[in-house]
């Protein structure tokens, strides 16, 4: 018998377990201007990283083997929108479903890219790690107070892990 999952409750449970509370969400909110100002840099770094590895690069190639710049720009824009939306993170009825859908789309490709197959979950996990590390460098470089930079890193790491948990659930049949 299949069990129906209450995704908002699951997200809340994971957030509590990880220690993502209002204090961390306030810290994330305090990074709004910095993250928005560096958003294009951050997303470009993530996709430049993807292009370094044949296993991930292939998802961004045209039939002739060149990088599909239009597709790449759309993906960067999508990641920037996701990153921006992370700043105002709230556990509501819709947010975890959107994250779950992200996992499903990455693990069960739509027909227009079915020939490429699923994006392996290890790359989703690795991408989240890369993003966390990049944000850490941004905070260390741009936030003058080391304690505030450290707090921002911790808060974002917690948030991204909560989000990753729900995204990964989309990989499970």
Protein backbone atom coordinates (compact mmCIF):
# COMPACT_ATOMS: atom_id res chain seq x y z
CA UNK A 1 0.00 0.00 0.00
CA UNK A 2 1.41 3.37 -1.02
CA UNK A 3 1.75 6.01 1.63
CA UNK A 4 0.77 9.57 0.76
CA UNK A 5 3.46 12.00 1.89
CA UNK A 6 2.61 15.34 3.46
CA UNK A 7 5.47 17.23 1.78
CA UNK A 8 5.11 20.48 3.76
CA UNK A 9 5.20 18.47 7.00
CA UNK A 10 8.20 16.50 5.71
CA UNK A 11 10.03 19.70 4.82
CA UNK A 12 9.25 21.17 8.24
CA UNK A 13 10.50 17.99 9.92
CA UNK A 14 13.77 18.05 7.96
CA UNK A 15 14.23 21.78 8.63
CA UNK A 16 13.78 21.18 12.36
CA UNK A 17 16.19 18.23 12.28
CA UNK A 18 18.83 20.24 10.43
CA UNK A 19 18.28 23.26 12.64
CA UNK A 20 16.94 25.61 9.98
CA UNK A 21 14.81 28.06 11.93
CA UNK A 22 13.76 31.68 11.78
CA UNK A 23 17.19 32.85 12.93
CA UNK A 24 18.84 31.20 9.90
CA UNK A 25 16.11 32.46 7.57
CA UNK A 26 16.76 35.99 8.87
CA UNK A 27 20.47 35.55 8.16
CA UNK A 28 19.64 34.37 4.62
CA UNK A 29 17.38 37.40 4.18
CA UNK A 30 20.28 39.62 5.32
CA UNK A 31 22.33 38.30 2.36
CA UNK A 32 19.64 39.30 -0.15
CA UNK A 33 21.44 42.26 -1.73
CA UNK A 34 24.77 40.45 -1.92
CA UNK A 35 23.34 37.27 -3.43
CA UNK A 36 21.24 39.23 -5.92
CA UNK A 37 24.23 41.38 -6.88
CA UNK A 38 26.36 38.25 -7.43
CA UNK A 39 23.53 36.09 -8.81
CA UNK A 40 24.68 36.03 -12.42
CA UNK A 41 28.28 35.37 -11.33
CA UNK A 42 27.14 32.49 -9.11
CA UNK A 43 24.95 30.86 -11.74
CA UNK A 44 27.59 31.28 -14.44
CA UNK A 45 30.14 29.58 -12.18
CA UNK A 46 27.81 26.62 -11.61
CA UNK A 47 27.16 26.12 -15.33
CA UNK A 48 30.81 26.72 -16.27
CA UNK A 49 31.58 23.90 -13.83
CA UNK A 50 29.03 21.62 -15.55
CA UNK A 51 30.71 22.29 -18.89
CA UNK A 52 34.06 21.01 -17.58
CA UNK A 53 32.83 17.41 -17.32
CA UNK A 54 31.66 15.30 -20.28
CA UNK A 55 29.00 13.60 -18.14
CA UNK A 56 27.28 16.93 -17.40
CA UNK A 57 28.38 18.90 -20.47
CA UNK A 58 26.37 16.60 -22.74
CA UNK A 59 23.11 18.03 -21.37
CA UNK A 60 23.98 21.42 -22.89
CA UNK A 61 25.16 20.42 -26.35
CA UNK A 62 23.57 20.91 -29.74
CA UNK A 63 23.38 18.00 -32.14
CA UNK A 64 26.72 19.03 -33.69
CA UNK A 65 28.52 18.94 -30.34
CA UNK A 66 28.72 22.68 -29.66
CA UNK A 67 27.33 24.25 -26.51
CA UNK A 68 23.74 25.36 -27.03
CA UNK A 69 24.12 28.91 -25.71
CA UNK A 70 20.38 29.59 -25.79
CA UNK A 71 19.65 26.51 -23.68
CA UNK A 72 22.53 27.37 -21.36
CA UNK A 73 21.22 30.92 -20.87
CA UNK A 74 17.74 29.57 -20.08
CA UNK A 75 19.17 27.17 -17.50
CA UNK A 76 21.24 29.95 -15.91
CA UNK A 77 18.14 32.13 -15.71
CA UNK A 78 16.20 29.26 -14.16
CA UNK A 79 18.90 28.68 -11.52
CA UNK A 80 19.04 32.41 -10.78
CA UNK A 81 15.26 32.42 -10.27
CA UNK A 82 15.59 29.38 -7.96
CA UNK A 83 18.43 31.02 -6.03
CA UNK A 84 16.49 34.27 -5.69
CA UNK A 85 13.43 32.36 -4.52
CA UNK A 86 15.59 30.68 -1.89
CA UNK A 87 16.10 34.00 -0.14
CA UNK A 88 12.40 34.23 0.69
CA UNK A 89 12.12 30.55 1.62
CA UNK A 90 8.95 29.57 3.44
CA UNK A 91 7.50 26.20 4.25
CA UNK A 92 4.07 26.39 2.67
CA UNK A 93 1.84 24.06 0.68
CA UNK A 94 3.37 24.88 -2.72
CA UNK A 95 7.11 25.20 -2.19
CA UNK A 96 7.94 21.56 -1.44
CA UNK A 97 5.83 20.45 -4.41
CA UNK A 98 7.84 22.74 -6.71
CA UNK A 99 11.06 21.22 -5.32
CA UNK A 100 9.71 17.71 -5.78
CA UNK A 101 8.80 18.60 -9.37
CA UNK A 102 12.39 19.79 -9.90
CA UNK A 103 13.64 16.38 -8.84
CA UNK A 104 11.13 14.60 -11.06
CA UNK A 105 12.06 16.69 -14.12
CA UNK A 106 15.76 16.01 -13.57
CA UNK A 107 15.28 12.29 -12.97
CA UNK A 108 12.52 11.64 -15.51
CA UNK A 109 13.38 13.75 -18.55
CA UNK A 110 10.59 15.26 -20.62
CA UNK A 111 10.14 13.88 -24.14
CA UNK A 112 12.15 16.67 -25.83
CA UNK A 113 15.31 15.51 -24.02
CA UNK A 114 14.46 11.87 -23.31
CA UNK A 115 17.35 10.78 -25.54
CA UNK A 116 19.77 12.28 -22.97
CA UNK A 117 18.36 10.22 -20.12
CA UNK A 118 18.09 11.23 -16.50
CA UNK A 119 20.46 13.62 -14.82
CA UNK A 120 22.11 11.29 -12.30
CA UNK A 121 21.38 12.20 -8.70
CA UNK A 122 25.11 12.34 -7.94
CA UNK A 123 25.32 15.42 -10.15
CA UNK A 124 22.37 17.03 -8.35
CA UNK A 125 24.13 16.41 -5.03
CA UNK A 126 27.45 17.59 -6.44
CA UNK A 127 25.81 20.71 -7.88
CA UNK A 128 24.37 21.59 -4.50
CA UNK A 129 27.80 21.09 -2.90
CA UNK A 130 29.42 23.27 -5.57
CA UNK A 131 26.81 25.99 -5.00
CA UNK A 132 27.30 25.83 -1.22
CA UNK A 133 31.06 26.14 -1.63
CA UNK A 134 30.75 29.01 -4.08
CA UNK A 135 28.41 30.90 -1.75
CA UNK A 136 30.91 30.34 1.08
CA UNK A 137 33.63 32.00 -1.00
CA UNK A 138 31.33 34.90 -1.86
CA UNK A 139 30.50 35.45 1.82
CA UNK A 140 34.15 35.22 2.88
CA UNK A 141 35.17 37.68 0.18
CA UNK A 142 32.30 40.16 0.48
CA UNK A 143 31.13 40.14 4.11
CA UNK A 144 33.61 42.15 6.22
CA UNK A 145 32.64 40.60 9.55
CA UNK A 146 33.98 36.99 9.67
CA UNK A 147 31.24 35.94 12.13
CA UNK A 148 28.49 37.21 9.82
CA UNK A 149 30.16 35.48 6.85
CA UNK A 150 30.31 32.24 8.85
CA UNK A 151 26.66 32.58 9.94
CA UNK A 152 25.60 33.19 6.32
CA UNK A 153 27.47 30.08 5.20
CA UNK A 154 25.86 27.94 7.90
CA UNK A 155 22.35 29.28 7.19
CA UNK A 156 22.61 28.77 3.43
CA UNK A 157 24.08 25.28 3.88
CA UNK A 158 21.13 24.29 6.06
CA UNK A 159 18.63 25.73 3.59
CA UNK A 160 20.21 24.02 0.60
CA UNK A 161 20.25 20.68 2.41
CA UNK A 162 16.52 20.96 3.20
CA UNK A 163 15.85 21.76 -0.44
CA UNK A 164 18.09 18.94 -1.65
CA UNK A 165 16.23 16.44 0.50
CA UNK A 166 12.94 17.23 -1.24
CA UNK A 167 14.53 17.40 -4.71
CA UNK A 168 16.10 13.98 -4.17
CA UNK A 169 12.70 12.55 -3.29
CA UNK A 170 11.76 13.25 -6.91
CA UNK A 171 14.37 10.69 -7.93
CA UNK A 172 12.55 7.87 -6.16
CA UNK A 173 9.97 5.90 -8.11
